[in-house]
PDB file of all heavy atoms in Angstrom:
ATOM      1  N   ARG A   1      28.860  99.922  13.254  1.00  0.00           N
ATOM      2  CA  ARG A   1      28.509 101.118  12.492  1.00  0.00           C
ATOM      3  C   ARG A   1      28.080 100.702  11.090  1.00  0.00           C
ATOM      4  O   ARG A   1      28.244  99.545  10.685  1.00  0.00           O
ATOM      5  CB  ARG A   1      29.719 102.063  12.404  1.00  0.00           C
ATOM      6  CG  ARG A   1      30.238 102.491  13.728  1.00  0.00           C
ATOM      7  CD  ARG A   1      31.343 103.543  13.702  1.00  0.00           C
ATOM      8  NE  ARG A   1      32.131 103.664  12.508  1.00  0.00           N
ATOM      9  CZ  ARG A   1      33.325 104.281  12.453  1.00  0.00           C
ATOM     10  NH1 ARG A   1      33.836 104.819  13.551  1.00  0.00           N
ATOM     11  NH2 ARG A   1      33.990 104.358  11.322  1.00  0.00           N
ATOM     12  N   ASP A   2      27.563 101.633  10.354  1.00  0.00           N
ATOM     13  CA  ASP A   2      27.143 101.352   8.977  1.00  0.00           C
ATOM     14  C   ASP A   2      28.327 100.965   8.095  1.00  0.00           C
ATOM     15  O   ASP A   2      28.156 100.238   7.107  1.00  0.00           O
ATOM     16  CB  ASP A   2      26.434 102.561   8.371  1.00  0.00           C
ATOM     17  CG  ASP A   2      25.074 102.824   9.007  1.00  0.00           C
ATOM     18  OD1 ASP A   2      24.529 101.882   9.629  1.00  0.00           O
ATOM     19  OD2 ASP A   2      24.573 103.947   8.883  1.00  0.00           O
ATOM     20  N   ASP A   3      29.527 101.445   8.457  1.00  0.00           N
ATOM     21  CA  ASP A   3      30.700 101.169   7.625  1.00  0.00           C
ATOM     22  C   ASP A   3      31.584 100.068   8.207  1.00  0.00           C
ATOM     23  O   ASP A   3      32.740  99.899   7.790  1.00  0.00           O
ATOM     24  CB  ASP A   3      31.520 102.441   7.402  1.00  0.00           C
ATOM     25  CG  ASP A   3      32.070 103.025   8.712  1.00  0.00           C
ATOM     26  OD1 ASP A   3      31.525 102.700   9.787  1.00  0.00           O
ATOM     27  OD2 ASP A   3      33.040 103.801   8.649  1.00  0.00           O
ATOM     28  N   THR A   4      31.065  99.298   9.182  1.00  0.00           N
ATOM     29  CA  THR A   4      31.845  98.189   9.749  1.00  0.00           C
ATOM     30  C   THR A   4      31.946  97.068   8.730  1.00  0.00           C
ATOM     31  O   THR A   4      30.931  96.591   8.202  1.00  0.00           O
ATOM     32  CB  THR A   4      31.197  97.657  11.037  1.00  0.00           C
ATOM     33  OG1 THR A   4      31.031  98.731  11.971  1.00  0.00           O
ATOM     34  CG2 THR A   4      32.061  96.582  11.669  1.00  0.00           C
ATOM     35  N   VAL A   5      33.168  96.615   8.458  1.00  0.00           N
ATOM     36  CA  VAL A   5      33.372  95.554   7.463  1.00  0.00           C
ATOM     37  C   VAL A   5      33.858  94.251   8.084  1.00  0.00           C
ATOM     38  O   VAL A   5      33.749  93.187   7.461  1.00  0.00           O
ATOM     39  CB  VAL A   5      34.365  95.995   6.370  1.00  0.00           C
ATOM     40  CG1 VAL A   5      33.785  97.148   5.571  1.00  0.00           C
ATOM     41  CG2 VAL A   5      35.723  96.370   6.964  1.00  0.00           C
ATOM     42  N   LEU A   6      34.388  94.322   9.314  1.00  0.00           N
ATOM     43  CA  LEU A   6      34.950  93.115   9.933  1.00  0.00           C
ATOM     44  C   LEU A   6      34.841  93.194  11.445  1.00  0.00           C
ATOM     45  O   LEU A   6      35.100  94.241  12.043  1.00  0.00           O
ATOM     46  CB  LEU A   6      36.426  92.951   9.537  1.00  0.00           C
ATOM     47  CG  LEU A   6      37.192  91.789  10.197  1.00  0.00           C
ATOM     48  CD1 LEU A   6      36.649  90.444   9.726  1.00  0.00           C
ATOM     49  CD2 LEU A   6      38.690  91.893   9.920  1.00  0.00           C
ATOM     50  N   VAL A   7      34.459  92.062  12.047  1.00  0.00           N
ATOM     51  CA  VAL A   7      34.487  91.891  13.502  1.00  0.00           C
ATOM     52  C   VAL A   7      35.368  90.679  13.785  1.00  0.00           C
ATOM     53  O   VAL A   7      35.231  89.635  13.132  1.00  0.00           O
ATOM     54  CB  VAL A   7      33.076  91.665  14.078  1.00  0.00           C
ATOM     55  CG1 VAL A   7      33.145  91.428  15.593  1.00  0.00           C
ATOM     56  CG2 VAL A   7      32.170  92.844  13.759  1.00  0.00           C
ATOM     57  N   SER A   8      36.274  90.791  14.761  1.00  0.00           N
ATOM     58  CA  SER A   8      37.155  89.678  15.124  1.00  0.00           C
ATOM     59  C   SER A   8      37.155  89.496  16.636  1.00  0.00           C
ATOM     60  O   SER A   8      37.589  90.384  17.366  1.00  0.00           O
ATOM     61  CB  SER A   8      38.587  89.938  14.625  1.00  0.00           C
ATOM     62  OG  SER A   8      39.425  88.838  14.925  1.00  0.00           O
ATOM     63  N   VAL A   9      36.642  88.352  17.068  1.00  0.00           N
ATOM     64  CA  VAL A   9      36.645  87.983  18.489  1.00  0.00           C
ATOM     65  C   VAL A   9      37.065  86.528  18.583  1.00  0.00           C
ATOM     66  O   VAL A   9      36.494  85.659  17.913  1.00  0.00           O
ATOM     67  CB  VAL A   9      35.260  88.178  19.142  1.00  0.00           C
ATOM     68  CG1 VAL A   9      35.280  87.690  20.597  1.00  0.00           C
ATOM     69  CG2 VAL A   9      34.836  89.631  19.080  1.00  0.00           C
ATOM     70  N   MET A  10      38.049  86.224  19.409  1.00  0.00           N
ATOM     71  CA  MET A  10      38.617  84.879  19.470  1.00  0.00           C
ATOM     72  C   MET A  10      37.637  83.869  20.070  1.00  0.00           C
ATOM     73  O   MET A  10      36.769  84.229  20.869  1.00  0.00           O
ATOM     74  CB  MET A  10      39.935  84.900  20.246  1.00  0.00           C
ATOM     75  CG  MET A  10      39.806  85.326  21.683  1.00  0.00           C
ATOM     76  SD  MET A  10      41.348  85.981  22.417  1.00  0.00           S
ATOM     77  CE  MET A  10      42.665  85.130  21.593  1.00  0.00           C
ATOM     78  N   ARG A  11      37.780  82.605  19.673  1.00  0.00           N
ATOM     79  CA  ARG A  11      36.897  81.553  20.185  1.00  0.00           C
ATOM     80  C   ARG A  11      37.112  81.345  21.676  1.00  0.00           C
ATOM     81  O   ARG A  11      36.151  81.169  22.424  1.00  0.00           O
ATOM     82  CB  ARG A  11      37.140  80.241  19.424  1.00  0.00           C
ATOM     83  CG  ARG A  11      36.231  79.098  19.865  1.00  0.00           C
ATOM     84  CD  ARG A  11      34.808  79.397  19.475  1.00  0.00           C
ATOM     85  NE  ARG A  11      33.861  78.390  19.944  1.00  0.00           N
ATOM     86  CZ  ARG A  11      33.022  78.547  20.954  1.00  0.00           C
ATOM     87  NH1 ARG A  11      33.019  79.676  21.636  1.00  0.00           N
ATOM     88  NH2 ARG A  11      32.185  77.603  21.300  1.00  0.00           N
ATOM     89  N   ALA A  12      38.350  81.326  22.087  1.00  0.00           N
ATOM     90  CA  ALA A  12      38.686  81.231  23.513  1.00  0.00           C
ATOM     91  C   ALA A  12      40.004  81.953  23.717  1.00  0.00           C
ATOM     92  O   ALA A  12      40.907  81.873  22.873  1.00  0.00           O
ATOM     93  CB  ALA A  12      38.797  79.776  23.963  1.00  0.00           C
ATOM     94  N   ASN A  13      40.125  82.654  24.829  1.00  0.00           N
ATOM     95  CA  ASN A  13      41.322  83.454  25.057  1.00  0.00           C
ATOM     96  C   ASN A  13      42.526  82.569  25.342  1.00  0.00           C
ATOM     97  O   ASN A  13      42.444  81.611  26.116  1.00  0.00           O
ATOM     98  CB  ASN A  13      41.091  84.426  26.211  1.00  0.00           C
ATOM     99  CG  ASN A  13      42.236  85.391  26.365  1.00  0.00           C
ATOM    100  OD1 ASN A  13      43.131  85.187  27.164  1.00  0.00           O
ATOM    101  ND2 ASN A  13      42.240  86.448  25.559  1.00  0.00           N
ATOM    102  N   ASP A  14      43.649  82.902  24.732  1.00  0.00           N
ATOM    103  CA  ASP A  14      44.843  82.074  24.877  1.00  0.00           C
ATOM    104  C   ASP A  14      45.502  82.207  26.242  1.00  0.00           C
ATOM    105  O   ASP A  14      46.313  81.357  26.613  1.00  0.00           O
ATOM    106  CB  ASP A  14      45.851  82.413  23.770  1.00  0.00           C
ATOM    107  CG  ASP A  14      46.254  83.875  23.765  1.00  0.00           C
ATOM    108  OD1 ASP A  14      45.365  84.744  23.824  1.00  0.00           O
ATOM    109  OD2 ASP A  14      47.461  84.166  23.695  1.00  0.00           O
ATOM    110  N   GLU A  15      45.171  83.241  27.017  1.00  0.00           N
ATOM    111  CA  GLU A  15      45.756  83.392  28.353  1.00  0.00           C
ATOM    112  C   GLU A  15      44.820  82.889  29.448  1.00  0.00           C
ATOM    113  O   GLU A  15      45.211  82.094  30.290  1.00  0.00           O
ATOM    114  CB  GLU A  15      46.135  84.851  28.603  1.00  0.00           C
ATOM    115  CG  GLU A  15      47.283  85.332  27.731  1.00  0.00           C
ATOM    116  CD  GLU A  15      47.840  86.658  28.202  1.00  0.00           C
ATOM    117  OE1 GLU A  15      48.004  86.854  29.418  1.00  0.00           O
ATOM    118  OE2 GLU A  15      48.117  87.516  27.340  1.00  0.00           O
ATOM    119  N   THR A  16      43.582  83.351  29.451  1.00  0.00           N
ATOM    120  CA  THR A  16      42.656  82.940  30.515  1.00  0.00           C
ATOM    121  C   THR A  16      41.896  81.672  30.165  1.00  0.00           C
ATOM    122  O   THR A  16      41.346  81.023  31.052  1.00  0.00           O
ATOM    123  CB  THR A  16      41.628  84.053  30.797  1.00  0.00           C
ATOM    124  OG1 THR A  16      40.814  84.238  29.635  1.00  0.00           O
ATOM    125  CG2 THR A  16      42.324  85.359  31.150  1.00  0.00           C
ATOM    126  N   GLY A  17      41.832  81.337  28.891  1.00  0.00           N
ATOM    127  CA  GLY A  17      41.051  80.178  28.468  1.00  0.00           C
ATOM    128  C   GLY A  17      39.560  80.438  28.399  1.00  0.00           C
ATOM    129  O   GLY A  17      38.785  79.530  28.081  1.00  0.00           O
ATOM    130  N   THR A  18      39.134  81.655  28.683  1.00  0.00           N
ATOM    131  CA  THR A  18      37.707  81.971  28.696  1.00  0.00           C
ATOM    132  C   THR A  18      37.092  81.797  27.308  1.00  0.00           C
ATOM    133  O   THR A  18      37.597  82.330  26.318  1.00  0.00           O
ATOM    134  CB  THR A  18      37.471  83.410  29.187  1.00  0.00           C
ATOM    135  OG1 THR A  18      38.030  83.549  30.512  1.00  0.00           O
ATOM    136  CG2 THR A  18      35.988  83.729  29.240  1.00  0.00           C
ATOM    137  N   ILE A  19      36.002  81.046  27.245  1.00  0.00           N
ATOM    138  CA  ILE A  19      35.311  80.762  25.989  1.00  0.00           C
ATOM    139  C   ILE A  19      34.348  81.912  25.674  1.00  0.00           C
ATOM    140  O   ILE A  19      33.602  82.361  26.545  1.00  0.00           O
ATOM    141  CB  ILE A  19      34.549  79.422  26.086  1.00  0.00           C
ATOM    142  CG1 ILE A  19      35.541  78.283  26.350  1.00  0.00           C
ATOM    143  CG2 ILE A  19      33.748  79.148  24.824  1.00  0.00           C
ATOM    144  CD1 ILE A  19      34.882  76.975  26.747  1.00  0.00           C
ATOM    145  N   GLN A  20      34.386  82.366  24.439  1.00  0.00           N
ATOM    146  CA  GLN A  20      33.614  83.542  24.045  1.00  0.00           C
ATOM    147  C   GLN A  20      32.320  83.154  23.321  1.00  0.00           C
ATOM    148  O   GLN A  20      32.270  82.124  22.637  1.00  0.00           O
ATOM    149  CB  GLN A  20      34.455  84.449  23.146  1.00  0.00           C
ATOM    150  CG  GLN A  20      35.772  84.890  23.765  1.00  0.00           C
ATOM    151  CD  GLN A  20      35.588  85.683  25.040  1.00  0.00           C
ATOM    152  OE1 GLN A  20      34.579  86.378  25.226  1.00  0.00           O
ATOM    153  NE2 GLN A  20      36.551  85.588  25.950  1.00  0.00           N
ATOM    154  N   PRO A  21      31.273  83.978  23.433  1.00  0.00           N
ATOM    155  CA  PRO A  21      29.996  83.703  22.755  1.00  0.00           C
ATOM    156  C   PRO A  21      30.080  84.050  21.269  1.00  0.00           C
ATOM    157  O   PRO A  21      29.428  84.977  20.777  1.00  0.00           O
ATOM    158  CB  PRO A  21      29.015  84.612  23.503  1.00  0.00           C
ATOM    159  CG  PRO A  21      29.847  85.767  23.957  1.00  0.00           C
ATOM    160  CD  PRO A  21      31.210  85.189  24.277  1.00  0.00           C
ATOM    161  N   VAL A  22      30.871  83.293  20.548  1.00  0.00           N
ATOM    162  CA  VAL A  22      31.208  83.620  19.163  1.00  0.00           C
ATOM    163  C   VAL A  22      29.986  83.584  18.250  1.00  0.00           C
ATOM    164  O   VAL A  22      29.816  84.472  17.397  1.00  0.00           O
ATOM    165  CB  VAL A  22      32.316  82.667  18.669  1.00  0.00           C
ATOM    166  CG1 VAL A  22      32.383  82.629  17.148  1.00  0.00           C
ATOM    167  CG2 VAL A  22      33.664  83.103  19.238  1.00  0.00           C
ATOM    168  N   ARG A  23      29.146  82.574  18.379  1.00  0.00           N
ATOM    169  CA  ARG A  23      27.993  82.493  17.480  1.00  0.00           C
ATOM    170  C   ARG A  23      27.099  83.721  17.613  1.00  0.00           C
ATOM    171  O   ARG A  23      26.660  84.293  16.602  1.00  0.00           O
ATOM    172  CB  ARG A  23      27.184  81.223  17.757  1.00  0.00           C
ATOM    173  CG  ARG A  23      25.998  81.081  16.802  1.00  0.00           C
ATOM    174  CD  ARG A  23      25.210  79.796  16.996  1.00  0.00           C
ATOM    175  NE  ARG A  23      24.061  79.778  16.124  1.00  0.00           N
ATOM    176  CZ  ARG A  23      24.076  79.394  14.852  1.00  0.00           C
ATOM    177  NH1 ARG A  23      25.210  78.981  14.312  1.00  0.00           N
ATOM    178  NH2 ARG A  23      22.989  79.420  14.112  1.00  0.00           N
ATOM    179  N   GLU A  24      26.835  84.158  18.833  1.00  0.00           N
ATOM    180  CA  GLU A  24      25.984  85.314  19.049  1.00  0.00           C
ATOM    181  C   GLU A  24      26.620  86.581  18.460  1.00  0.00           C
ATOM    182  O   GLU A  24      25.934  87.413  17.858  1.00  0.00           O
ATOM    183  CB  GLU A  24      25.717  85.514  20.544  1.00  0.00           C
ATOM    184  CG  GLU A  24      24.883  84.414  21.175  1.00  0.00           C
ATOM    185  CD  GLU A  24      25.722  83.245  21.671  1.00  0.00           C
ATOM    186  OE1 GLU A  24      26.867  83.080  21.200  1.00  0.00           O
ATOM    187  OE2 GLU A  24      25.221  82.492  22.524  1.00  0.00           O
ATOM    188  N   ILE A  25      27.948  86.701  18.623  1.00  0.00           N
ATOM    189  CA  ILE A  25      28.633  87.885  18.094  1.00  0.00           C
ATOM    190  C   ILE A  25      28.661  87.842  16.565  1.00  0.00           C
ATOM    191  O   ILE A  25      28.507  88.871  15.896  1.00  0.00           O
ATOM    192  CB  ILE A  25      30.046  87.986  18.688  1.00  0.00           C
ATOM    193  CG1 ILE A  25      29.960  88.204  20.213  1.00  0.00           C
ATOM    194  CG2 ILE A  25      30.827  89.122  18.039  1.00  0.00           C
ATOM    195  CD1 ILE A  25      31.292  88.150  20.923  1.00  0.00           C
ATOM    196  N   ALA A  26      28.844  86.643  16.012  1.00  0.00           N
ATOM    197  CA  ALA A  26      28.839  86.511  14.551  1.00  0.00           C
ATOM    198  C   ALA A  26      27.498  86.940  13.966  1.00  0.00           C
ATOM    199  O   ALA A  26      27.438  87.593  12.910  1.00  0.00           O
ATOM    200  CB  ALA A  26      29.166  85.076  14.155  1.00  0.00           C
ATOM    201  N   GLU A  27      26.411  86.588  14.641  1.00  0.00           N
ATOM    202  CA  GLU A  27      25.085  86.978  14.163  1.00  0.00           C
ATOM    203  C   GLU A  27      24.926  88.497  14.152  1.00  0.00           C
ATOM    204  O   GLU A  27      24.325  89.068  13.232  1.00  0.00           O
ATOM    205  CB  GLU A  27      24.011  86.328  15.032  1.00  0.00           C
ATOM    206  CG  GLU A  27      23.903  84.817  14.833  1.00  0.00           C
ATOM    207  CD  GLU A  27      22.944  84.156  15.798  1.00  0.00           C
ATOM    208  OE1 GLU A  27      22.448  84.863  16.713  1.00  0.00           O
ATOM    209  OE2 GLU A  27      22.703  82.943  15.666  1.00  0.00           O
ATOM    210  N   ILE A  28      25.485  89.157  15.163  1.00  0.00           N
ATOM    211  CA  ILE A  28      25.431  90.627  15.212  1.00  0.00           C
ATOM    212  C   ILE A  28      26.206  91.212  14.037  1.00  0.00           C
ATOM    213  O   ILE A  28      25.739  92.135  13.357  1.00  0.00           O
ATOM    214  CB  ILE A  28      25.994  91.131  16.558  1.00  0.00           C
ATOM    215  CG1 ILE A  28      25.050  90.745  17.701  1.00  0.00           C
ATOM    216  CG2 ILE A  28      26.223  92.646  16.522  1.00  0.00           C
ATOM    217  CD1 ILE A  28      25.650  90.933  19.074  1.00  0.00           C
TER     218      ILE A  28
END
């Protein structure tokens, strides 16, 4: 949103180990 100040998504999940597309999300 226009008033979004922070996005937080983990690099990899601590339970499943699934690696997240962090760079792409950071760019958004």
